[in-house]
Amino acid sequence: MTDAPAYGLWSLVLLNSLIFIIFAFSFTKPRTSRDWRSFSAFSAFIVALFVEMYGFPLTIYLISGWLVSRYPGVDFLSHDAGHLWNTLIGWKIDPHFDPLHILSNIFIFGGFILLSAAWKALYEAQHDHKLATTGPYAYVRHPQYGGFILIMLGFLFQWPTLITLVMFPILATMYVRLARREEREVSVEFGEEYRRYAVITPAFLPRLGASKELSS
């Protein structure tokens, strides 16, 4: 009996890409050109990831010479060996249960929860023509961009590829630039109210006490 192929599973590439892209779409509801730009960049990352996870293992082929010489006897065309962090670190456990894979799941699910909560707070604020300062916005100014970054970082812990490793800093930089442009626009709309909010609320990394200071 032969083992099932680990790659060339293009139906899984399509299915998994659609699941995560549709999830992200439902949590962010892109409307503006800036929204679509950030969502499209995230979608490209997801497609690139699953193409290598289930379709064609480009990264493994490109570094196969080094991998074979460094880890003789390891079948890098098996799905488990495709979890490169597990193999490179030398853990002798199921890669789906290693510490980095568990951490990746926390980041991915946490990122989607953050996207959902941020969209709800932003929708309510826009409906009332107010500055969004509740929910995740009480702790960071750009929780949606932070959610995208968390999800991508989680996938890098789970299944690193050369393409996604290159894409990650590029996309993270793009999100920072989009956030700064968004801040300029919101500052014009809300003036001093937004400037006070920005002084006490970090852009991406929360600090304890931010929401308390805002409400005082």
N, C-alpha and C. Protein backbone atom coordinates (compact mmCIF):
# COMPACT_ATOMS: atom_id res chain seq x y z
N MET A 1 0.85 -1.20 0.00
CA MET A 1 0.00 0.00 0.00
C MET A 1 0.88 1.25 0.00
N THR A 2 0.68 2.16 -0.93
CA THR A 2 1.49 3.37 -1.03
C THR A 2 0.88 4.51 -0.24
N ASP A 3 1.78 5.38 0.26
CA ASP A 3 1.31 6.53 1.02
C ASP A 3 0.63 7.53 0.09
N ALA A 4 -0.34 8.24 0.63
CA ALA A 4 -1.01 9.28 -0.16
C ALA A 4 -0.02 10.40 -0.44
N PRO A 5 -0.10 11.01 -1.61
CA PRO A 5 0.83 12.10 -1.95
C PRO A 5 0.65 13.29 -1.02
N ALA A 6 1.78 13.94 -0.68
CA ALA A 6 1.72 15.10 0.21
C ALA A 6 1.51 16.40 -0.57
N TYR A 7 1.84 16.38 -1.87
CA TYR A 7 1.73 17.59 -2.69
C TYR A 7 0.96 17.29 -3.97
N GLY A 8 0.73 18.33 -4.75
CA GLY A 8 -0.09 18.18 -5.94
C GLY A 8 -1.57 18.12 -5.62
N LEU A 9 -1.92 18.50 -4.39
CA LEU A 9 -3.32 18.46 -3.95
C LEU A 9 -3.96 19.83 -4.17
N TRP A 10 -4.19 20.16 -5.43
CA TRP A 10 -4.64 21.51 -5.77
C TRP A 10 -6.05 21.80 -5.29
N SER A 11 -6.85 20.77 -5.10
CA SER A 11 -8.18 21.00 -4.53
C SER A 11 -8.08 21.50 -3.10
N LEU A 12 -7.08 21.00 -2.34
CA LEU A 12 -6.86 21.48 -0.97
C LEU A 12 -6.30 22.89 -0.97
N VAL A 13 -5.47 23.20 -1.96
CA VAL A 13 -4.97 24.57 -2.09
C VAL A 13 -6.14 25.53 -2.25
N LEU A 14 -7.05 25.19 -3.16
CA LEU A 14 -8.20 26.05 -3.42
C LEU A 14 -9.12 26.12 -2.21
N LEU A 15 -9.42 24.97 -1.62
CA LEU A 15 -10.36 24.92 -0.50
C LEU A 15 -9.84 25.71 0.70
N ASN A 16 -8.59 25.47 1.10
CA ASN A 16 -8.04 26.16 2.27
C ASN A 16 -7.88 27.65 2.02
N SER A 17 -7.45 28.01 0.81
CA SER A 17 -7.32 29.44 0.48
C SER A 17 -8.67 30.13 0.58
N LEU A 18 -9.69 29.52 0.02
CA LEU A 18 -11.03 30.12 0.06
C LEU A 18 -11.55 30.25 1.48
N ILE A 19 -11.32 29.23 2.30
CA ILE A 19 -11.81 29.27 3.68
C ILE A 19 -11.23 30.47 4.42
N PHE A 20 -9.91 30.62 4.37
CA PHE A 20 -9.28 31.70 5.13
C PHE A 20 -9.55 33.07 4.53
N ILE A 21 -9.62 33.15 3.21
CA ILE A 21 -9.90 34.44 2.57
C ILE A 21 -11.34 34.86 2.84
N ILE A 22 -12.28 33.92 2.78
CA ILE A 22 -13.67 34.25 3.06
C ILE A 22 -13.85 34.62 4.53
N PHE A 23 -13.16 33.92 5.43
CA PHE A 23 -13.19 34.28 6.84
C PHE A 23 -12.72 35.72 7.02
N ALA A 24 -11.58 36.04 6.42
CA ALA A 24 -11.04 37.39 6.56
C ALA A 24 -11.98 38.42 5.97
N PHE A 25 -12.58 38.09 4.83
CA PHE A 25 -13.52 39.01 4.20
C PHE A 25 -14.73 39.26 5.11
N SER A 26 -15.25 38.21 5.71
CA SER A 26 -16.43 38.36 6.56
C SER A 26 -16.13 39.16 7.82
N PHE A 27 -14.86 39.16 8.26
CA PHE A 27 -14.50 39.87 9.47
C PHE A 27 -14.07 41.31 9.20
N THR A 28 -13.73 41.64 7.96
CA THR A 28 -13.23 42.98 7.68
C THR A 28 -14.15 43.83 6.81
N LYS A 29 -14.97 43.17 5.97
CA LYS A 29 -15.91 43.88 5.11
C LYS A 29 -15.24 45.05 4.37
N PRO A 30 -14.23 44.79 3.51
CA PRO A 30 -13.54 45.89 2.82
C PRO A 30 -14.48 46.71 1.96
N ARG A 31 -14.32 48.03 2.04
CA ARG A 31 -15.16 48.94 1.26
C ARG A 31 -14.33 49.94 0.46
N THR A 32 -13.36 50.57 1.12
CA THR A 32 -12.55 51.57 0.45
C THR A 32 -11.42 50.90 -0.33
N SER A 33 -10.76 51.69 -1.18
CA SER A 33 -9.62 51.15 -1.94
C SER A 33 -8.51 50.72 -1.00
N ARG A 34 -8.35 51.43 0.11
CA ARG A 34 -7.33 51.05 1.09
C ARG A 34 -7.68 49.72 1.74
N ASP A 35 -8.96 49.53 2.06
CA ASP A 35 -9.41 48.25 2.62
C ASP A 35 -9.11 47.10 1.67
N TRP A 36 -9.44 47.32 0.40
CA TRP A 36 -9.24 46.26 -0.60
C TRP A 36 -7.76 45.98 -0.81
N ARG A 37 -6.92 47.02 -0.70
CA ARG A 37 -5.48 46.83 -0.88
C ARG A 37 -4.93 45.94 0.23
N SER A 38 -5.31 46.23 1.47
CA SER A 38 -4.81 45.43 2.59
C SER A 38 -5.36 44.01 2.54
N PHE A 39 -6.62 43.87 2.16
CA PHE A 39 -7.23 42.55 2.08
C PHE A 39 -6.62 41.73 0.93
N SER A 40 -6.35 42.37 -0.20
CA SER A 40 -5.76 41.68 -1.34
C SER A 40 -4.35 41.19 -1.02
N ALA A 41 -3.59 42.02 -0.31
CA ALA A 41 -2.23 41.63 0.07
C ALA A 41 -2.27 40.42 1.00
N PHE A 42 -3.19 40.44 1.95
CA PHE A 42 -3.33 39.30 2.85
C PHE A 42 -3.74 38.05 2.07
N SER A 43 -4.66 38.20 1.13
CA SER A 43 -5.12 37.06 0.32
C SER A 43 -3.97 36.47 -0.49
N ALA A 44 -3.10 37.32 -1.03
CA ALA A 44 -1.95 36.83 -1.80
C ALA A 44 -1.03 36.00 -0.92
N PHE A 45 -0.83 36.45 0.32
CA PHE A 45 -0.01 35.71 1.28
C PHE A 45 -0.61 34.33 1.52
N ILE A 46 -1.92 34.28 1.73
CA ILE A 46 -2.61 33.01 2.02
C ILE A 46 -2.49 32.05 0.84
N VAL A 47 -2.70 32.54 -0.37
CA VAL A 47 -2.61 31.68 -1.55
C VAL A 47 -1.18 31.14 -1.71
N ALA A 48 -0.19 32.02 -1.55
CA ALA A 48 1.21 31.59 -1.66
C ALA A 48 1.54 30.52 -0.63
N LEU A 49 1.01 30.68 0.57
CA LEU A 49 1.25 29.71 1.63
C LEU A 49 0.70 28.33 1.27
N PHE A 50 -0.58 28.28 0.89
CA PHE A 50 -1.20 26.99 0.64
C PHE A 50 -0.74 26.33 -0.65
N VAL A 51 -0.27 27.13 -1.61
CA VAL A 51 0.32 26.54 -2.81
C VAL A 51 1.52 25.69 -2.43
N GLU A 52 2.35 26.19 -1.50
CA GLU A 52 3.52 25.41 -1.08
C GLU A 52 3.16 24.33 -0.08
N MET A 53 2.12 24.54 0.70
CA MET A 53 1.74 23.55 1.71
C MET A 53 1.15 22.30 1.08
N TYR A 54 0.35 22.48 0.01
CA TYR A 54 -0.35 21.34 -0.58
C TYR A 54 -0.11 21.18 -2.09
N GLY A 55 0.37 22.22 -2.75
CA GLY A 55 0.53 22.17 -4.19
C GLY A 55 1.92 21.79 -4.63
N PHE A 56 2.82 22.76 -4.66
CA PHE A 56 4.19 22.54 -5.12
C PHE A 56 5.16 23.09 -4.09
N PRO A 57 6.00 22.23 -3.46
CA PRO A 57 6.90 22.67 -2.37
C PRO A 57 8.14 23.37 -2.90
N LEU A 58 7.98 24.57 -3.41
CA LEU A 58 9.08 25.29 -4.04
C LEU A 58 10.26 25.48 -3.09
N THR A 59 9.97 25.88 -1.85
CA THR A 59 11.04 26.14 -0.89
C THR A 59 11.89 24.89 -0.67
N ILE A 60 11.24 23.75 -0.49
CA ILE A 60 11.98 22.50 -0.25
C ILE A 60 12.84 22.14 -1.46
N TYR A 61 12.32 22.35 -2.67
CA TYR A 61 13.11 22.06 -3.86
C TYR A 61 14.32 22.99 -3.96
N LEU A 62 14.14 24.25 -3.63
CA LEU A 62 15.23 25.21 -3.77
C LEU A 62 16.36 24.96 -2.78
N ILE A 63 16.02 24.47 -1.59
CA ILE A 63 17.06 24.23 -0.58
C ILE A 63 17.26 22.74 -0.33
N SER A 64 16.81 21.91 -1.27
CA SER A 64 16.85 20.46 -1.07
C SER A 64 18.29 19.96 -0.88
N GLY A 65 19.25 20.53 -1.61
CA GLY A 65 20.64 20.09 -1.48
C GLY A 65 21.14 20.26 -0.06
N TRP A 66 20.88 21.44 0.51
CA TRP A 66 21.32 21.69 1.89
C TRP A 66 20.56 20.81 2.88
N LEU A 67 19.25 20.65 2.66
CA LEU A 67 18.44 19.85 3.58
C LEU A 67 18.91 18.40 3.60
N VAL A 68 19.16 17.82 2.43
CA VAL A 68 19.56 16.42 2.35
C VAL A 68 20.92 16.20 3.02
N SER A 69 21.84 17.15 2.80
CA SER A 69 23.17 17.00 3.41
C SER A 69 23.14 17.22 4.92
N ARG A 70 22.24 18.08 5.36
CA ARG A 70 22.16 18.40 6.79
C ARG A 70 21.29 17.41 7.55
N TYR A 71 20.27 16.87 6.89
CA TYR A 71 19.35 15.94 7.55
C TYR A 71 19.19 14.70 6.68
N PRO A 72 20.21 13.86 6.58
CA PRO A 72 20.12 12.65 5.75
C PRO A 72 19.06 11.70 6.29
N GLY A 73 18.36 11.09 5.38
CA GLY A 73 17.35 10.12 5.78
C GLY A 73 15.97 10.69 5.98
N VAL A 74 15.85 12.01 5.98
CA VAL A 74 14.54 12.64 6.15
C VAL A 74 13.86 12.79 4.79
N ASP A 75 12.64 12.33 4.69
CA ASP A 75 11.88 12.45 3.45
C ASP A 75 11.18 13.81 3.44
N PHE A 76 11.80 14.79 2.78
CA PHE A 76 11.27 16.14 2.80
C PHE A 76 10.07 16.32 1.87
N LEU A 77 9.71 15.27 1.14
CA LEU A 77 8.50 15.34 0.35
C LEU A 77 7.29 14.81 1.11
N SER A 78 7.51 14.41 2.36
CA SER A 78 6.38 14.04 3.21
C SER A 78 5.80 15.31 3.82
N HIS A 79 4.52 15.25 4.17
CA HIS A 79 3.86 16.45 4.71
C HIS A 79 4.45 16.86 6.05
N ASP A 80 4.75 15.89 6.92
CA ASP A 80 5.29 16.23 8.24
C ASP A 80 6.62 16.96 8.13
N ALA A 81 7.49 16.51 7.22
CA ALA A 81 8.79 17.16 7.05
C ALA A 81 8.66 18.55 6.47
N GLY A 82 7.50 18.84 5.84
CA GLY A 82 7.27 20.18 5.32
C GLY A 82 7.13 21.21 6.41
N HIS A 83 6.86 20.76 7.64
CA HIS A 83 6.87 21.67 8.80
C HIS A 83 8.34 21.91 9.16
N LEU A 84 8.98 22.81 8.43
CA LEU A 84 10.43 22.92 8.49
C LEU A 84 10.98 23.30 9.86
N TRP A 85 10.26 24.14 10.61
CA TRP A 85 10.78 24.52 11.92
C TRP A 85 10.97 23.28 12.80
N ASN A 86 9.99 22.38 12.76
CA ASN A 86 10.06 21.16 13.56
C ASN A 86 11.30 20.34 13.20
N THR A 87 11.55 20.23 11.90
CA THR A 87 12.69 19.45 11.43
C THR A 87 14.01 20.15 11.73
N LEU A 88 14.08 21.46 11.47
CA LEU A 88 15.33 22.20 11.66
C LEU A 88 15.72 22.26 13.13
N ILE A 89 14.73 22.38 14.02
CA ILE A 89 15.02 22.43 15.45
C ILE A 89 15.40 21.05 15.97
N GLY A 90 14.87 20.01 15.32
CA GLY A 90 15.22 18.65 15.72
C GLY A 90 14.24 18.01 16.67
N TRP A 91 13.02 18.55 16.76
CA TRP A 91 12.02 17.94 17.63
C TRP A 91 11.60 16.59 17.06
N LYS A 92 11.51 15.59 17.90
CA LYS A 92 11.10 14.25 17.48
C LYS A 92 9.65 14.01 17.88
N ILE A 93 8.77 14.95 17.57
CA ILE A 93 7.36 14.84 17.92
C ILE A 93 6.53 15.18 16.69
N ASP A 94 5.25 14.83 16.77
CA ASP A 94 4.32 15.17 15.69
C ASP A 94 4.34 16.69 15.51
N PRO A 95 4.68 17.18 14.29
CA PRO A 95 4.78 18.63 14.09
C PRO A 95 3.48 19.38 14.35
N HIS A 96 2.35 18.68 14.29
CA HIS A 96 1.08 19.35 14.53
C HIS A 96 0.87 19.66 16.01
N PHE A 97 1.74 19.09 16.87
CA PHE A 97 1.62 19.31 18.31
C PHE A 97 2.89 19.89 18.93
N ASP A 98 3.80 20.36 18.09
CA ASP A 98 5.00 20.96 18.65
C ASP A 98 4.69 22.37 19.16
N PRO A 99 5.55 22.95 20.00
CA PRO A 99 5.25 24.26 20.60
C PRO A 99 4.99 25.36 19.59
N LEU A 100 5.74 25.39 18.48
CA LEU A 100 5.54 26.45 17.50
C LEU A 100 4.21 26.30 16.78
N HIS A 101 3.78 25.06 16.53
CA HIS A 101 2.50 24.86 15.87
C HIS A 101 1.36 25.28 16.78
N ILE A 102 1.47 24.96 18.05
CA ILE A 102 0.45 25.39 19.02
C ILE A 102 0.42 26.91 19.10
N LEU A 103 1.61 27.54 19.16
CA LEU A 103 1.68 29.00 19.20
C LEU A 103 1.08 29.59 17.92
N SER A 104 1.34 28.94 16.78
CA SER A 104 0.81 29.45 15.52
C SER A 104 -0.71 29.45 15.53
N ASN A 105 -1.31 28.40 16.08
CA ASN A 105 -2.77 28.34 16.15
C ASN A 105 -3.33 29.45 17.04
N ILE A 106 -2.63 29.74 18.13
CA ILE A 106 -3.05 30.83 19.02
C ILE A 106 -3.02 32.16 18.27
N PHE A 107 -1.94 32.39 17.52
CA PHE A 107 -1.80 33.63 16.76
C PHE A 107 -2.88 33.74 15.68
N ILE A 108 -3.10 32.63 14.97
CA ILE A 108 -4.06 32.66 13.85
C ILE A 108 -5.48 32.91 14.36
N PHE A 109 -5.91 32.13 15.34
CA PHE A 109 -7.26 32.31 15.88
C PHE A 109 -7.39 33.65 16.59
N GLY A 110 -6.34 34.04 17.30
CA GLY A 110 -6.36 35.35 17.96
C GLY A 110 -6.46 36.48 16.96
N GLY A 111 -5.78 36.32 15.82
CA GLY A 111 -5.85 37.34 14.77
C GLY A 111 -7.24 37.49 14.21
N PHE A 112 -7.91 36.36 13.97
CA PHE A 112 -9.28 36.42 13.45
C PHE A 112 -10.25 36.99 14.48
N ILE A 113 -10.06 36.65 15.75
CA ILE A 113 -10.90 37.22 16.80
C ILE A 113 -10.71 38.73 16.86
N LEU A 114 -9.45 39.17 16.74
CA LEU A 114 -9.15 40.60 16.75
C LEU A 114 -9.79 41.31 15.56
N LEU A 115 -9.72 40.69 14.37
CA LEU A 115 -10.35 41.27 13.19
C LEU A 115 -11.85 41.44 13.40
N SER A 116 -12.48 40.41 13.94
CA SER A 116 -13.92 40.44 14.15
C SER A 116 -14.32 41.52 15.15
N ALA A 117 -13.63 41.57 16.28
CA ALA A 117 -13.95 42.57 17.31
C ALA A 117 -13.69 43.98 16.81
N ALA A 118 -12.62 44.16 16.05
CA ALA A 118 -12.28 45.48 15.53
C ALA A 118 -13.33 45.95 14.53
N TRP A 119 -13.76 45.04 13.64
CA TRP A 119 -14.77 45.43 12.66
C TRP A 119 -16.07 45.85 13.36
N LYS A 120 -16.48 45.12 14.39
CA LYS A 120 -17.70 45.45 15.12
C LYS A 120 -17.61 46.84 15.74
N ALA A 121 -16.48 47.13 16.41
CA ALA A 121 -16.31 48.43 17.05
C ALA A 121 -16.26 49.55 16.01
N LEU A 122 -15.57 49.30 14.89
CA LEU A 122 -15.46 50.33 13.85
C LEU A 122 -16.80 50.58 13.18
N TYR A 123 -17.56 49.52 12.91
CA TYR A 123 -18.87 49.66 12.28
C TYR A 123 -19.80 50.50 13.16
N GLU A 124 -19.81 50.21 14.45
CA GLU A 124 -20.69 50.95 15.37
C GLU A 124 -20.28 52.42 15.44
N ALA A 125 -18.97 52.69 15.45
CA ALA A 125 -18.49 54.06 15.51
C ALA A 125 -18.84 54.82 14.24
N GLN A 126 -18.66 54.18 13.08
CA GLN A 126 -18.99 54.84 11.82
C GLN A 126 -20.48 55.07 11.69
N HIS A 127 -21.27 54.15 12.19
CA HIS A 127 -22.73 54.30 12.15
C HIS A 127 -23.17 55.51 12.96
N ASP A 128 -22.48 55.77 14.08
CA ASP A 128 -22.82 56.90 14.95
C ASP A 128 -21.99 58.14 14.63
N HIS A 129 -21.17 58.06 13.57
CA HIS A 129 -20.30 59.18 13.17
C HIS A 129 -19.39 59.61 14.31
N LYS A 130 -18.77 58.60 14.95
CA LYS A 130 -17.88 58.85 16.07
C LYS A 130 -16.50 58.24 15.79
N LEU A 131 -15.54 58.67 16.58
CA LEU A 131 -14.20 58.08 16.53
C LEU A 131 -14.25 56.72 17.22
N ALA A 132 -13.71 55.69 16.59
CA ALA A 132 -13.69 54.35 17.20
C ALA A 132 -12.66 54.31 18.32
N THR A 133 -13.15 54.17 19.55
CA THR A 133 -12.25 54.10 20.71
C THR A 133 -12.65 52.97 21.66
N THR A 134 -13.57 52.11 21.24
CA THR A 134 -14.02 51.02 22.10
C THR A 134 -13.49 49.68 21.60
N GLY A 135 -13.71 48.63 22.38
CA GLY A 135 -13.22 47.31 21.99
C GLY A 135 -11.71 47.34 21.80
N PRO A 136 -11.19 46.69 20.76
CA PRO A 136 -9.74 46.69 20.54
C PRO A 136 -9.17 48.09 20.33
N TYR A 137 -10.01 49.03 19.85
CA TYR A 137 -9.53 50.40 19.62
C TYR A 137 -9.22 51.14 20.92
N ALA A 138 -9.65 50.59 22.04
CA ALA A 138 -9.29 51.19 23.33
C ALA A 138 -7.84 50.87 23.70
N TYR A 139 -7.24 49.90 23.01
CA TYR A 139 -5.89 49.47 23.34
C TYR A 139 -4.88 49.75 22.23
N VAL A 140 -5.30 49.68 20.97
CA VAL A 140 -4.42 50.00 19.84
C VAL A 140 -5.21 50.76 18.79
N ARG A 141 -4.51 51.55 18.01
CA ARG A 141 -5.19 52.37 17.01
C ARG A 141 -5.50 51.60 15.73
N HIS A 142 -4.80 50.51 15.48
CA HIS A 142 -4.98 49.79 14.21
C HIS A 142 -5.13 48.28 14.46
N PRO A 143 -6.18 47.87 15.15
CA PRO A 143 -6.33 46.45 15.45
C PRO A 143 -6.55 45.57 14.23
N GLN A 144 -7.18 46.09 13.17
CA GLN A 144 -7.40 45.25 11.99
C GLN A 144 -6.09 44.92 11.29
N TYR A 145 -5.23 45.91 11.12
CA TYR A 145 -3.93 45.63 10.53
C TYR A 145 -3.13 44.70 11.45
N GLY A 146 -3.24 44.92 12.75
CA GLY A 146 -2.58 44.04 13.71
C GLY A 146 -3.08 42.61 13.60
N GLY A 147 -4.38 42.44 13.35
CA GLY A 147 -4.94 41.11 13.18
C GLY A 147 -4.37 40.40 11.97
N PHE A 148 -4.25 41.12 10.85
CA PHE A 148 -3.65 40.53 9.65
C PHE A 148 -2.21 40.09 9.93
N ILE A 149 -1.45 40.93 10.62
CA ILE A 149 -0.06 40.61 10.90
C ILE A 149 0.04 39.39 11.82
N LEU A 150 -0.83 39.32 12.82
CA LEU A 150 -0.83 38.17 13.72
C LEU A 150 -1.10 36.86 12.97
N ILE A 151 -2.07 36.87 12.07
CA ILE A 151 -2.41 35.67 11.31
C ILE A 151 -1.23 35.25 10.43
N MET A 152 -0.63 36.20 9.73
CA MET A 152 0.50 35.86 8.87
C MET A 152 1.67 35.34 9.68
N LEU A 153 1.94 35.96 10.83
CA LEU A 153 3.03 35.50 11.69
C LEU A 153 2.74 34.08 12.18
N GLY A 154 1.49 33.81 12.52
CA GLY A 154 1.13 32.47 12.95
C GLY A 154 1.40 31.43 11.88
N PHE A 155 1.07 31.75 10.64
CA PHE A 155 1.33 30.80 9.55
C PHE A 155 2.82 30.62 9.31
N LEU A 156 3.62 31.65 9.55
CA LEU A 156 5.07 31.50 9.39
C LEU A 156 5.64 30.57 10.46
N PHE A 157 5.07 30.58 11.65
CA PHE A 157 5.49 29.63 12.68
C PHE A 157 5.10 28.20 12.30
N GLN A 158 4.02 28.08 11.57
CA GLN A 158 3.48 26.76 11.24
C GLN A 158 4.11 26.17 9.99
N TRP A 159 4.26 26.99 8.94
CA TRP A 159 4.74 26.47 7.66
C TRP A 159 5.54 27.55 6.94
N PRO A 160 6.81 27.73 7.27
CA PRO A 160 7.60 28.79 6.63
C PRO A 160 7.96 28.45 5.20
N THR A 161 7.89 29.42 4.31
CA THR A 161 8.35 29.26 2.94
C THR A 161 9.17 30.48 2.58
N LEU A 162 10.01 30.34 1.57
CA LEU A 162 10.84 31.47 1.16
C LEU A 162 9.97 32.63 0.68
N ILE A 163 8.91 32.31 -0.05
CA ILE A 163 8.05 33.37 -0.59
C ILE A 163 7.34 34.12 0.53
N THR A 164 6.75 33.39 1.48
CA THR A 164 6.01 34.08 2.55
C THR A 164 6.96 34.78 3.52
N LEU A 165 8.17 34.25 3.69
CA LEU A 165 9.16 34.94 4.53
C LEU A 165 9.57 36.27 3.91
N VAL A 166 9.63 36.31 2.58
CA VAL A 166 9.93 37.58 1.90
C VAL A 166 8.71 38.50 1.92
N MET A 167 7.52 37.92 1.74
CA MET A 167 6.30 38.73 1.69
C MET A 167 5.98 39.36 3.03
N PHE A 168 6.26 38.67 4.13
CA PHE A 168 5.82 39.15 5.44
C PHE A 168 6.33 40.55 5.78
N PRO A 169 7.66 40.82 5.72
CA PRO A 169 8.09 42.18 6.05
C PRO A 169 7.58 43.22 5.06
N ILE A 170 7.41 42.83 3.80
CA ILE A 170 6.88 43.76 2.80
C ILE A 170 5.45 44.14 3.14
N LEU A 171 4.62 43.13 3.47
CA LEU A 171 3.23 43.39 3.80
C LEU A 171 3.11 44.12 5.12
N ALA A 172 3.94 43.76 6.10
CA ALA A 172 3.90 44.47 7.38
C ALA A 172 4.23 45.95 7.19
N THR A 173 5.23 46.24 6.35
CA THR A 173 5.57 47.63 6.04
C THR A 173 4.43 48.33 5.33
N MET A 174 3.76 47.62 4.42
CA MET A 174 2.62 48.20 3.72
C MET A 174 1.51 48.55 4.69
N TYR A 175 1.24 47.67 5.66
CA TYR A 175 0.19 47.94 6.64
C TYR A 175 0.54 49.14 7.51
N VAL A 176 1.81 49.28 7.86
CA VAL A 176 2.23 50.44 8.65
C VAL A 176 2.01 51.73 7.86
N ARG A 177 2.35 51.71 6.58
CA ARG A 177 2.16 52.90 5.74
C ARG A 177 0.67 53.22 5.55
N LEU A 178 -0.14 52.18 5.36
CA LEU A 178 -1.58 52.39 5.24
C LEU A 178 -2.13 52.97 6.54
N ALA A 179 -1.62 52.48 7.66
CA ALA A 179 -2.07 52.98 8.96
C ALA A 179 -1.73 54.46 9.13
N ARG A 180 -0.55 54.86 8.71
CA ARG A 180 -0.15 56.27 8.83
C ARG A 180 -1.01 57.15 7.93
N ARG A 181 -1.30 56.67 6.73
CA ARG A 181 -2.16 57.44 5.84
C ARG A 181 -3.56 57.56 6.43
N GLU A 182 -4.04 56.48 7.00
CA GLU A 182 -5.36 56.48 7.64
C GLU A 182 -5.39 57.46 8.81
N GLU A 183 -4.30 57.51 9.56
CA GLU A 183 -4.23 58.42 10.70
C GLU A 183 -4.33 59.88 10.26
N ARG A 184 -3.65 60.21 9.16
CA ARG A 184 -3.71 61.59 8.67
C ARG A 184 -5.14 61.97 8.30
N GLU A 185 -5.85 61.02 7.67
CA GLU A 185 -7.22 61.30 7.25
C GLU A 185 -8.15 61.44 8.46
N VAL A 186 -8.01 60.55 9.44
CA VAL A 186 -8.86 60.61 10.63
C VAL A 186 -8.54 61.84 11.46
N SER A 187 -7.27 62.24 11.48
CA SER A 187 -6.89 63.45 12.22
C SER A 187 -7.56 64.69 11.65
N VAL A 188 -7.68 64.74 10.33
CA VAL A 188 -8.37 65.86 9.69
C VAL A 188 -9.85 65.85 10.06
N GLU A 189 -10.45 64.65 10.12
CA GLU A 189 -11.88 64.54 10.39
C GLU A 189 -12.23 64.84 11.85
N PHE A 190 -11.40 64.32 12.78
CA PHE A 190 -11.77 64.43 14.19
C PHE A 190 -10.90 65.40 14.98
N GLY A 191 -9.85 65.93 14.34
CA GLY A 191 -9.06 66.99 14.95
C GLY A 191 -8.46 66.64 16.29
N GLU A 192 -8.66 67.52 17.25
CA GLU A 192 -8.04 67.39 18.57
C GLU A 192 -8.46 66.12 19.29
N GLU A 193 -9.69 65.66 19.07
CA GLU A 193 -10.15 64.43 19.70
C GLU A 193 -9.27 63.25 19.29
N TYR A 194 -8.94 63.17 18.01
CA TYR A 194 -8.10 62.07 17.56
C TYR A 194 -6.67 62.23 18.06
N ARG A 195 -6.16 63.45 18.09
CA ARG A 195 -4.80 63.66 18.55
C ARG A 195 -4.64 63.28 20.02
N ARG A 196 -5.64 63.57 20.84
CA ARG A 196 -5.58 63.14 22.25
C ARG A 196 -5.60 61.62 22.33
N TYR A 197 -6.45 61.01 21.52
CA TYR A 197 -6.55 59.55 21.48
C TYR A 197 -5.23 58.92 21.06
N ALA A 198 -4.59 59.49 20.03
CA ALA A 198 -3.35 58.93 19.50
C ALA A 198 -2.20 59.05 20.50
N VAL A 199 -2.23 60.08 21.34
CA VAL A 199 -1.16 60.27 22.32
C VAL A 199 -1.14 59.13 23.35
N ILE A 200 -2.31 58.68 23.76
CA ILE A 200 -2.37 57.69 24.84
C ILE A 200 -2.64 56.26 24.35
N THR A 201 -2.86 56.09 23.04
CA THR A 201 -3.16 54.76 22.51
C THR A 201 -2.10 54.35 21.50
N PRO A 202 -1.36 53.26 21.76
CA PRO A 202 -0.31 52.82 20.82
C PRO A 202 -0.89 52.42 19.47
N ALA A 203 -0.04 52.39 18.47
CA ALA A 203 -0.50 52.05 17.11
C ALA A 203 -0.82 50.57 16.98
N PHE A 204 0.11 49.69 17.39
CA PHE A 204 -0.07 48.25 17.16
C PHE A 204 0.09 47.39 18.41
N LEU A 205 1.00 47.75 19.30
CA LEU A 205 1.27 46.94 20.48
C LEU A 205 0.61 47.58 21.70
N PRO A 206 -0.36 46.90 22.32
CA PRO A 206 -1.09 47.50 23.44
C PRO A 206 -0.22 47.67 24.67
N ARG A 207 -0.56 48.65 25.49
CA ARG A 207 0.07 48.79 26.78
C ARG A 207 -1.04 48.85 27.83
N LEU A 208 -0.77 48.34 28.99
CA LEU A 208 -1.76 48.31 30.05
C LEU A 208 -2.14 49.73 30.47
N GLY A 209 -3.44 49.93 30.67
CA GLY A 209 -3.89 51.23 31.16
C GLY A 209 -4.34 52.18 30.09
N ALA A 210 -4.17 51.80 28.78
CA ALA A 210 -4.53 52.72 27.69
C ALA A 210 -6.00 53.06 27.73
N SER A 211 -6.86 52.06 27.89
CA SER A 211 -8.30 52.32 27.87
C SER A 211 -8.74 53.09 29.09
N LYS A 212 -8.07 52.88 30.24
CA LYS A 212 -8.42 53.62 31.44
C LYS A 212 -8.07 55.10 31.28
N GLU A 213 -6.91 55.36 30.68
CA GLU A 213 -6.50 56.75 30.47
C GLU A 213 -7.47 57.45 29.53
N LEU A 214 -7.93 56.72 28.51
CA LEU A 214 -8.81 57.31 27.52
C LEU A 214 -10.14 57.72 28.14
N SER A 215 -10.64 56.90 29.04
CA SER A 215 -11.95 57.17 29.62
C SER A 215 -11.90 58.15 30.76
N SER A 216 -10.69 58.52 31.23
CA SER A 216 -10.59 59.43 32.36
C SER A 216 -10.71 60.88 31.90
